[in-house]
PDB file of N, CA and C in Angstrom:
ATOM      1  N   MET A   1     212.094 -31.191 -53.607  1.00  0.00           N
ATOM      2  CA  MET A   1     210.843 -32.069 -53.182  1.00  0.00           C
ATOM      3  C   MET A   1     209.592 -31.583 -53.858  1.00  0.00           C
ATOM      4  N   ALA A   2     208.953 -32.218 -54.498  1.00  0.00           N
ATOM      5  CA  ALA A   2     207.557 -31.743 -55.095  1.00  0.00           C
ATOM      6  C   ALA A   2     206.496 -32.667 -54.889  1.00  0.00           C
ATOM      7  N   VAL A   3     205.300 -32.376 -54.727  1.00  0.00           N
ATOM      8  CA  VAL A   3     203.967 -33.355 -54.628  1.00  0.00           C
ATOM      9  C   VAL A   3     203.612 -33.589 -55.886  1.00  0.00           C
ATOM     10  N   LYS A   4     203.382 -34.913 -56.213  1.00  0.00           N
ATOM     11  CA  LYS A   4     203.002 -35.515 -57.427  1.00  0.00           C
ATOM     12  C   LYS A   4     201.712 -36.107 -57.584  1.00  0.00           C
ATOM     13  N   ASP A   5     200.817 -35.265 -57.711  1.00  0.00           N
ATOM     14  CA  ASP A   5     199.463 -36.064 -57.478  1.00  0.00           C
ATOM     15  C   ASP A   5     198.659 -35.792 -58.993  1.00  0.00           C
ATOM     16  N   GLY A   6     197.614 -36.681 -59.412  1.00  0.00           N
ATOM     17  CA  GLY A   6     196.841 -36.534 -60.579  1.00  0.00           C
ATOM     18  C   GLY A   6     197.812 -37.397 -61.652  1.00  0.00           C
ATOM     19  N   TRP A   7     198.754 -37.985 -61.643  1.00  0.00           N
ATOM     20  CA  TRP A   7     199.437 -38.886 -62.353  1.00  0.00           C
ATOM     21  C   TRP A   7     198.871 -40.356 -62.246  1.00  0.00           C
ATOM     22  N   LEU A   8     199.059 -40.927 -63.368  1.00  0.00           N
ATOM     23  CA  LEU A   8     198.654 -42.467 -63.485  1.00  0.00           C
ATOM     24  C   LEU A   8     199.800 -43.138 -64.442  1.00  0.00           C
ATOM     25  N   GLY A   9     200.190 -44.247 -63.895  1.00  0.00           N
ATOM     26  CA  GLY A   9     201.065 -44.993 -64.676  1.00  0.00           C
ATOM     27  C   GLY A   9     202.521 -44.422 -64.839  1.00  0.00           C
ATOM     28  N   ARG A  10     203.210 -44.017 -63.737  1.00  0.00           N
ATOM     29  CA  ARG A  10     204.664 -43.547 -64.096  1.00  0.00           C
ATOM     30  C   ARG A  10     205.487 -44.344 -64.462  1.00  0.00           C
ATOM     31  N   PHE A  11     206.478 -44.284 -65.076  1.00  0.00           N
ATOM     32  CA  PHE A  11     207.665 -45.062 -65.559  1.00  0.00           C
ATOM     33  C   PHE A  11     209.039 -44.724 -64.684  1.00  0.00           C
ATOM     34  N   PHE A  12     209.611 -45.609 -64.709  1.00  0.00           N
ATOM     35  CA  PHE A  12     210.846 -45.449 -63.814  1.00  0.00           C
ATOM     36  C   PHE A  12     211.685 -44.038 -63.810  1.00  0.00           C
ATOM     37  N   GLU A  13     211.553 -43.543 -65.048  1.00  0.00           N
ATOM     38  CA  GLU A  13     212.257 -42.067 -65.206  1.00  0.00           C
ATOM     39  C   GLU A  13     211.577 -41.142 -64.766  1.00  0.00           C
ATOM     40  N   ASP A  14     210.237 -41.113 -64.565  1.00  0.00           N
ATOM     41  CA  ASP A  14     209.582 -40.162 -63.845  1.00  0.00           C
ATOM     42  C   ASP A  14     209.691 -40.026 -62.302  1.00  0.00           C
ATOM     43  N   PHE A  15     210.292 -40.858 -61.634  1.00  0.00           N
ATOM     44  CA  PHE A  15     210.641 -40.731 -60.298  1.00  0.00           C
ATOM     45  C   PHE A  15     211.828 -39.808 -59.843  1.00  0.00           C
ATOM     46  N   VAL A  16     211.583 -39.150 -58.821  1.00  0.00           N
ATOM     47  CA  VAL A  16     212.736 -38.233 -58.273  1.00  0.00           C
ATOM     48  C   VAL A  16     212.861 -38.460 -56.664  1.00  0.00           C
ATOM     49  N   VAL A  17     213.955 -38.700 -56.235  1.00  0.00           N
ATOM     50  CA  VAL A  17     214.180 -38.942 -54.832  1.00  0.00           C
ATOM     51  C   VAL A  17     213.593 -37.777 -54.182  1.00  0.00           C
ATOM     52  N   GLY A  18     212.929 -38.052 -53.126  1.00  0.00           N
ATOM     53  CA  GLY A  18     212.003 -37.054 -52.285  1.00  0.00           C
ATOM     54  C   GLY A  18     210.866 -36.369 -52.710  1.00  0.00           C
ATOM     55  N   ASP A  19     210.288 -36.998 -53.650  1.00  0.00           N
ATOM     56  CA  ASP A  19     209.079 -36.596 -54.166  1.00  0.00           C
ATOM     57  C   ASP A  19     207.832 -37.203 -53.511  1.00  0.00           C
ATOM     58  N   ILE A  20     206.785 -36.552 -53.280  1.00  0.00           N
ATOM     59  CA  ILE A  20     205.731 -37.234 -52.531  1.00  0.00           C
ATOM     60  C   ILE A  20     204.490 -37.698 -53.571  1.00  0.00           C
ATOM     61  N   TYR A  21     204.056 -38.708 -53.613  1.00  0.00           N
ATOM     62  CA  TYR A  21     203.286 -39.367 -54.386  1.00  0.00           C
ATOM     63  C   TYR A  21     201.964 -39.579 -53.679  1.00  0.00           C
ATOM     64  N   ARG A  22     200.877 -38.779 -53.944  1.00  0.00           N
ATOM     65  CA  ARG A  22     199.548 -39.138 -53.366  1.00  0.00           C
ATOM     66  C   ARG A  22     198.548 -39.907 -54.097  1.00  0.00           C
ATOM     67  N   SER A  23     197.845 -41.061 -53.504  1.00  0.00           N
ATOM     68  CA  SER A  23     196.895 -41.684 -53.926  1.00  0.00           C
ATOM     69  C   SER A  23     195.515 -40.891 -54.325  1.00  0.00           C
ATOM     70  N   ARG A  24     194.987 -41.289 -55.467  1.00  0.00           N
ATOM     71  CA  ARG A  24     193.700 -40.685 -55.942  1.00  0.00           C
ATOM     72  C   ARG A  24     192.580 -41.321 -55.043  1.00  0.00           C
ATOM     73  N   LEU A  25     192.913 -42.366 -54.454  1.00  0.00           N
ATOM     74  CA  LEU A  25     191.751 -43.158 -54.013  1.00  0.00           C
ATOM     75  C   LEU A  25     191.897 -43.279 -52.262  1.00  0.00           C
ATOM     76  N   GLY A  26     191.171 -43.613 -51.551  1.00  0.00           N
ATOM     77  CA  GLY A  26     191.210 -43.705 -50.124  1.00  0.00           C
ATOM     78  C   GLY A  26     190.691 -45.269 -49.711  1.00  0.00           C
ATOM     79  N   ARG A  27     190.822 -45.361 -48.674  1.00  0.00           N
ATOM     80  CA  ARG A  27     190.330 -46.802 -48.228  1.00  0.00           C
ATOM     81  C   ARG A  27     190.205 -46.821 -46.630  1.00  0.00           C
ATOM     82  N   THR A  28     189.059 -47.139 -46.134  1.00  0.00           N
ATOM     83  CA  THR A  28     188.681 -47.124 -44.867  1.00  0.00           C
ATOM     84  C   THR A  28     189.181 -48.544 -44.212  1.00  0.00           C
ATOM     85  N   ILE A  29     189.804 -48.787 -43.214  1.00  0.00           N
ATOM     86  CA  ILE A  29     190.086 -50.229 -42.762  1.00  0.00           C
ATOM     87  C   ILE A  29     189.289 -50.361 -41.529  1.00  0.00           C
ATOM     88  N   THR A  30     188.409 -51.278 -41.648  1.00  0.00           N
ATOM     89  CA  THR A  30     187.369 -51.595 -40.804  1.00  0.00           C
ATOM     90  C   THR A  30     187.892 -52.648 -39.744  1.00  0.00           C
ATOM     91  N   GLU A  31     187.049 -52.900 -38.688  1.00  0.00           N
ATOM     92  CA  GLU A  31     187.456 -53.982 -37.503  1.00  0.00           C
ATOM     93  C   GLU A  31     187.538 -55.239 -38.226  1.00  0.00           C
ATOM     94  N   THR A  32     186.623 -55.479 -39.160  1.00  0.00           N
ATOM     95  CA  THR A  32     186.800 -57.017 -39.600  1.00  0.00           C
ATOM     96  C   THR A  32     187.947 -56.971 -40.499  1.00  0.00           C
ATOM     97  N   ASP A  33     188.418 -56.095 -41.308  1.00  0.00           N
ATOM     98  CA  ASP A  33     189.520 -55.887 -42.243  1.00  0.00           C
ATOM     99  C   ASP A  33     190.870 -56.577 -41.140  1.00  0.00           C
ATOM    100  N   ASN A  34     190.811 -55.585 -39.980  1.00  0.00           N
ATOM    101  CA  ASN A  34     192.012 -55.762 -39.200  1.00  0.00           C
ATOM    102  C   ASN A  34     191.871 -57.374 -38.659  1.00  0.00           C
ATOM    103  N   ILE A  35     190.951 -57.799 -38.117  1.00  0.00           N
ATOM    104  CA  ILE A  35     190.945 -59.152 -37.629  1.00  0.00           C
ATOM    105  C   ILE A  35     191.275 -60.300 -38.605  1.00  0.00           C
ATOM    106  N   GLN A  36     190.464 -60.259 -39.716  1.00  0.00           N
ATOM    107  CA  GLN A  36     191.085 -61.257 -40.809  1.00  0.00           C
ATOM    108  C   GLN A  36     192.285 -61.022 -41.144  1.00  0.00           C
ATOM    109  N   PHE A  37     192.830 -59.884 -41.367  1.00  0.00           N
ATOM    110  CA  PHE A  37     194.254 -59.914 -41.754  1.00  0.00           C
ATOM    111  C   PHE A  37     195.233 -60.367 -40.622  1.00  0.00           C
ATOM    112  N   THR A  38     194.911 -59.960 -39.311  1.00  0.00           N
ATOM    113  CA  THR A  38     195.733 -60.415 -38.135  1.00  0.00           C
ATOM    114  C   THR A  38     195.548 -62.070 -38.171  1.00  0.00           C
ATOM    115  N   MET A  39     194.315 -62.604 -38.440  1.00  0.00           N
ATOM    116  CA  MET A  39     194.408 -64.220 -38.260  1.00  0.00           C
ATOM    117  C   MET A  39     195.075 -64.797 -39.462  1.00  0.00           C
ATOM    118  N   ILE A  40     194.779 -64.312 -40.720  1.00  0.00           N
ATOM    119  CA  ILE A  40     195.505 -64.905 -41.692  1.00  0.00           C
ATOM    120  C   ILE A  40     196.841 -64.985 -41.912  1.00  0.00           C
ATOM    121  N   THR A  41     197.395 -63.565 -41.195  1.00  0.00           N
ATOM    122  CA  THR A  41     199.067 -63.581 -41.110  1.00  0.00           C
ATOM    123  C   THR A  41     199.458 -64.332 -39.792  1.00  0.00           C
ATOM    124  N   ASN A  42     198.728 -65.123 -39.027  1.00  0.00           N
ATOM    125  CA  ASN A  42     198.921 -65.780 -38.074  1.00  0.00           C
ATOM    126  C   ASN A  42     199.653 -64.757 -36.860  1.00  0.00           C
ATOM    127  N   ASN A  43     199.051 -63.597 -36.786  1.00  0.00           N
ATOM    128  CA  ASN A  43     199.824 -62.562 -35.617  1.00  0.00           C
ATOM    129  C   ASN A  43     199.109 -62.778 -34.440  1.00  0.00           C
ATOM    130  N   THR A  44     199.653 -63.294 -33.317  1.00  0.00           N
ATOM    131  CA  THR A  44     199.128 -63.778 -32.229  1.00  0.00           C
ATOM    132  C   THR A  44     199.160 -62.679 -31.173  1.00  0.00           C
ATOM    133  N   ASN A  45     199.322 -61.542 -31.457  1.00  0.00           N
ATOM    134  CA  ASN A  45     199.349 -60.375 -30.533  1.00  0.00           C
ATOM    135  C   ASN A  45     197.972 -60.054 -30.259  1.00  0.00           C
ATOM    136  N   GLN A  46     197.506 -60.138 -29.107  1.00  0.00           N
ATOM    137  CA  GLN A  46     196.210 -59.784 -28.728  1.00  0.00           C
ATOM    138  C   GLN A  46     195.551 -58.507 -29.069  1.00  0.00           C
ATOM    139  N   ILE A  47     196.587 -57.567 -29.011  1.00  0.00           N
ATOM    140  CA  ILE A  47     196.060 -56.009 -29.119  1.00  0.00           C
ATOM    141  C   ILE A  47     195.474 -55.999 -30.497  1.00  0.00           C
ATOM    142  N   HIS A  48     195.464 -56.842 -31.256  1.00  0.00           N
ATOM    143  CA  HIS A  48     195.086 -56.580 -32.746  1.00  0.00           C
ATOM    144  C   HIS A  48     193.582 -57.245 -32.783  1.00  0.00           C
ATOM    145  N   PHE A  49     193.294 -58.101 -32.080  1.00  0.00           N
ATOM    146  CA  PHE A  49     192.057 -59.019 -32.188  1.00  0.00           C
ATOM    147  C   PHE A  49     191.052 -59.122 -31.142  1.00  0.00           C
ATOM    148  N   ASN A  50     191.623 -59.026 -29.951  1.00  0.00           N
ATOM    149  CA  ASN A  50     191.019 -59.188 -28.683  1.00  0.00           C
ATOM    150  C   ASN A  50     190.273 -58.030 -27.674  1.00  0.00           C
ATOM    151  N   ALA A  51     189.181 -57.717 -28.050  1.00  0.00           N
ATOM    152  CA  ALA A  51     188.728 -56.378 -27.536  1.00  0.00           C
ATOM    153  C   ALA A  51     188.669 -56.082 -26.119  1.00  0.00           C
ATOM    154  N   HIS A  52     188.711 -57.336 -25.389  1.00  0.00           N
ATOM    155  CA  HIS A  52     188.595 -57.261 -23.891  1.00  0.00           C
ATOM    156  C   HIS A  52     190.119 -56.995 -23.611  1.00  0.00           C
ATOM    157  N   TYR A  53     191.115 -57.867 -24.153  1.00  0.00           N
ATOM    158  CA  TYR A  53     192.508 -57.728 -23.657  1.00  0.00           C
ATOM    159  C   TYR A  53     192.940 -56.148 -24.019  1.00  0.00           C
ATOM    160  N   ALA A  54     192.644 -55.568 -25.197  1.00  0.00           N
ATOM    161  CA  ALA A  54     192.784 -54.174 -25.735  1.00  0.00           C
ATOM    162  C   ALA A  54     192.094 -53.106 -24.753  1.00  0.00           C
ATOM    163  N   SER A  55     191.017 -53.442 -24.187  1.00  0.00           N
ATOM    164  CA  SER A  55     190.413 -52.467 -23.285  1.00  0.00           C
ATOM    165  C   SER A  55     191.127 -52.262 -21.978  1.00  0.00           C
ATOM    166  N   ARG A  56     192.140 -53.182 -21.838  1.00  0.00           N
ATOM    167  CA  ARG A  56     192.781 -53.002 -20.588  1.00  0.00           C
ATOM    168  C   ARG A  56     194.081 -52.309 -20.824  1.00  0.00           C
ATOM    169  N   THR A  57     194.355 -51.798 -21.948  1.00  0.00           N
ATOM    170  CA  THR A  57     195.572 -51.066 -22.576  1.00  0.00           C
ATOM    171  C   THR A  57     195.363 -49.687 -22.512  1.00  0.00           C
ATOM    172  N   ALA A  58     196.433 -49.107 -22.592  1.00  0.00           N
ATOM    173  CA  ALA A  58     196.198 -47.425 -22.760  1.00  0.00           C
ATOM    174  C   ALA A  58     195.541 -47.103 -23.874  1.00  0.00           C
ATOM    175  N   PHE A  59     195.306 -47.713 -24.966  1.00  0.00           N
ATOM    176  CA  PHE A  59     194.839 -47.470 -26.254  1.00  0.00           C
ATOM    177  C   PHE A  59     193.086 -47.810 -25.925  1.00  0.00           C
ATOM    178  N   LYS A  60     192.951 -48.525 -25.241  1.00  0.00           N
ATOM    179  CA  LYS A  60     191.382 -49.049 -25.050  1.00  0.00           C
ATOM    180  C   LYS A  60     190.735 -49.655 -25.883  1.00  0.00           C
ATOM    181  N   LYS A  61     191.243 -49.880 -27.109  1.00  0.00           N
ATOM    182  CA  LYS A  61     190.559 -50.720 -28.159  1.00  0.00           C
ATOM    183  C   LYS A  61     191.625 -51.355 -28.837  1.00  0.00           C
ATOM    184  N   PRO A  62     191.229 -52.295 -29.845  1.00  0.00           N
ATOM    185  CA  PRO A  62     192.249 -53.045 -30.467  1.00  0.00           C
ATOM    186  C   PRO A  62     192.919 -52.183 -31.646  1.00  0.00           C
ATOM    187  N   LEU A  63     194.161 -52.413 -31.909  1.00  0.00           N
ATOM    188  CA  LEU A  63     194.801 -51.355 -32.818  1.00  0.00           C
ATOM    189  C   LEU A  63     194.987 -52.208 -34.229  1.00  0.00           C
ATOM    190  N   VAL A  64     195.076 -51.284 -35.133  1.00  0.00           N
ATOM    191  CA  VAL A  64     195.194 -51.931 -36.673  1.00  0.00           C
ATOM    192  C   VAL A  64     196.657 -52.362 -36.715  1.00  0.00           C
ATOM    193  N   ASN A  65     196.775 -53.670 -37.213  1.00  0.00           N
ATOM    194  CA  ASN A  65     197.840 -54.240 -37.554  1.00  0.00           C
ATOM    195  C   ASN A  65     198.770 -53.536 -38.499  1.00  0.00           C
ATOM    196  N   SER A  66     200.150 -53.113 -38.057  1.00  0.00           N
ATOM    197  CA  SER A  66     200.804 -52.076 -38.853  1.00  0.00           C
ATOM    198  C   SER A  66     201.053 -52.687 -40.204  1.00  0.00           C
ATOM    199  N   ALA A  67     200.986 -54.103 -40.379  1.00  0.00           N
ATOM    200  CA  ALA A  67     201.182 -54.744 -41.691  1.00  0.00           C
ATOM    201  C   ALA A  67     200.295 -54.523 -42.656  1.00  0.00           C
ATOM    202  N   LEU A  68     198.954 -54.385 -42.153  1.00  0.00           N
ATOM    203  CA  LEU A  68     197.662 -54.285 -42.705  1.00  0.00           C
ATOM    204  C   LEU A  68     197.832 -52.738 -43.357  1.00  0.00           C
ATOM    205  N   THR A  69     198.288 -51.893 -42.575  1.00  0.00           N
ATOM    206  CA  THR A  69     198.196 -50.627 -43.106  1.00  0.00           C
ATOM    207  C   THR A  69     199.357 -50.338 -44.107  1.00  0.00           C
ATOM    208  N   LEU A  70     200.511 -51.236 -44.209  1.00  0.00           N
ATOM    209  CA  LEU A  70     201.389 -50.965 -45.122  1.00  0.00           C
ATOM    210  C   LEU A  70     201.046 -51.725 -46.328  1.00  0.00           C
ATOM    211  N   SER A  71     200.228 -52.816 -46.211  1.00  0.00           N
ATOM    212  CA  SER A  71     199.929 -53.474 -47.451  1.00  0.00           C
ATOM    213  C   SER A  71     198.660 -52.676 -48.201  1.00  0.00           C
ATOM    214  N   VAL A  72     198.011 -51.934 -47.289  1.00  0.00           N
ATOM    215  CA  VAL A  72     196.915 -51.109 -48.001  1.00  0.00           C
ATOM    216  C   VAL A  72     197.542 -50.007 -48.668  1.00  0.00           C
ATOM    217  N   ILE A  73     198.570 -49.372 -48.067  1.00  0.00           N
ATOM    218  CA  ILE A  73     199.358 -48.282 -48.843  1.00  0.00           C
ATOM    219  C   ILE A  73     199.895 -48.746 -50.022  1.00  0.00           C
ATOM    220  N   ALA A  74     200.484 -49.908 -49.936  1.00  0.00           N
ATOM    221  CA  ALA A  74     201.209 -50.553 -51.296  1.00  0.00           C
ATOM    222  C   ALA A  74     200.087 -50.652 -52.304  1.00  0.00           C
ATOM    223  N   GLY A  75     198.996 -51.249 -51.979  1.00  0.00           N
ATOM    224  CA  GLY A  75     197.932 -51.446 -52.939  1.00  0.00           C
ATOM    225  C   GLY A  75     197.315 -50.095 -53.578  1.00  0.00           C
ATOM    226  N   LEU A  76     197.094 -49.139 -52.892  1.00  0.00           N
ATOM    227  CA  LEU A  76     196.747 -47.964 -53.329  1.00  0.00           C
ATOM    228  C   LEU A  76     197.715 -47.404 -54.160  1.00  0.00           C
ATOM    229  N   GLY A  77     198.905 -47.512 -54.181  1.00  0.00           N
ATOM    230  CA  GLY A  77     200.027 -46.967 -55.059  1.00  0.00           C
ATOM    231  C   GLY A  77     199.886 -47.884 -56.407  1.00  0.00           C
ATOM    232  N   VAL A  78     199.540 -48.837 -56.564  1.00  0.00           N
ATOM    233  CA  VAL A  78     199.816 -49.994 -57.578  1.00  0.00           C
ATOM    234  C   VAL A  78     199.534 -49.134 -59.031  1.00  0.00           C
ATOM    235  N   ALA A  79     198.438 -48.747 -59.139  1.00  0.00           N
ATOM    236  CA  ALA A  79     197.879 -47.984 -60.424  1.00  0.00           C
ATOM    237  C   ALA A  79     198.959 -46.859 -60.948  1.00  0.00           C
ATOM    238  N   ASP A  80     199.563 -46.182 -60.092  1.00  0.00           N
ATOM    239  CA  ASP A  80     200.470 -45.198 -60.275  1.00  0.00           C
ATOM    240  C   ASP A  80     201.876 -45.622 -60.217  1.00  0.00           C
ATOM    241  N   ILE A  81     202.361 -46.393 -59.221  1.00  0.00           N
ATOM    242  CA  ILE A  81     203.790 -46.611 -59.127  1.00  0.00           C
ATOM    243  C   ILE A  81     204.250 -47.766 -59.751  1.00  0.00           C
ATOM    244  N   SER A  82     203.378 -49.082 -59.867  1.00  0.00           N
ATOM    245  CA  SER A  82     203.976 -50.204 -60.480  1.00  0.00           C
ATOM    246  C   SER A  82     203.388 -50.688 -61.782  1.00  0.00           C
ATOM    247  N   GLU A  83     202.169 -50.143 -62.302  1.00  0.00           N
ATOM    248  CA  GLU A  83     201.736 -50.571 -63.640  1.00  0.00           C
ATOM    249  C   GLU A  83     202.768 -50.663 -64.664  1.00  0.00           C
ATOM    250  N   ASN A  84     203.704 -49.707 -64.852  1.00  0.00           N
ATOM    251  CA  ASN A  84     204.523 -49.535 -65.943  1.00  0.00           C
ATOM    252  C   ASN A  84     205.811 -49.909 -65.629  1.00  0.00           C
TER     253      ASN A  84
END
């Protein structure tokens, strides 16, 4: 297994099972991002958008929608993993 960073635009033949691909960019997910994504995807779980409800849970604040997290991860990898 090897960490592969610094590459842009890999081709299929460049990938090896077990390698780790790091994004050269980062992305902060804001409360607004989380609420909008949750509403756009019709997720009705209040833990993602209702601060009062979330304050009564063990987490004490709204949780980031896991589908949003996966979407951001997929987006950060586009330039490296899927452009070619």
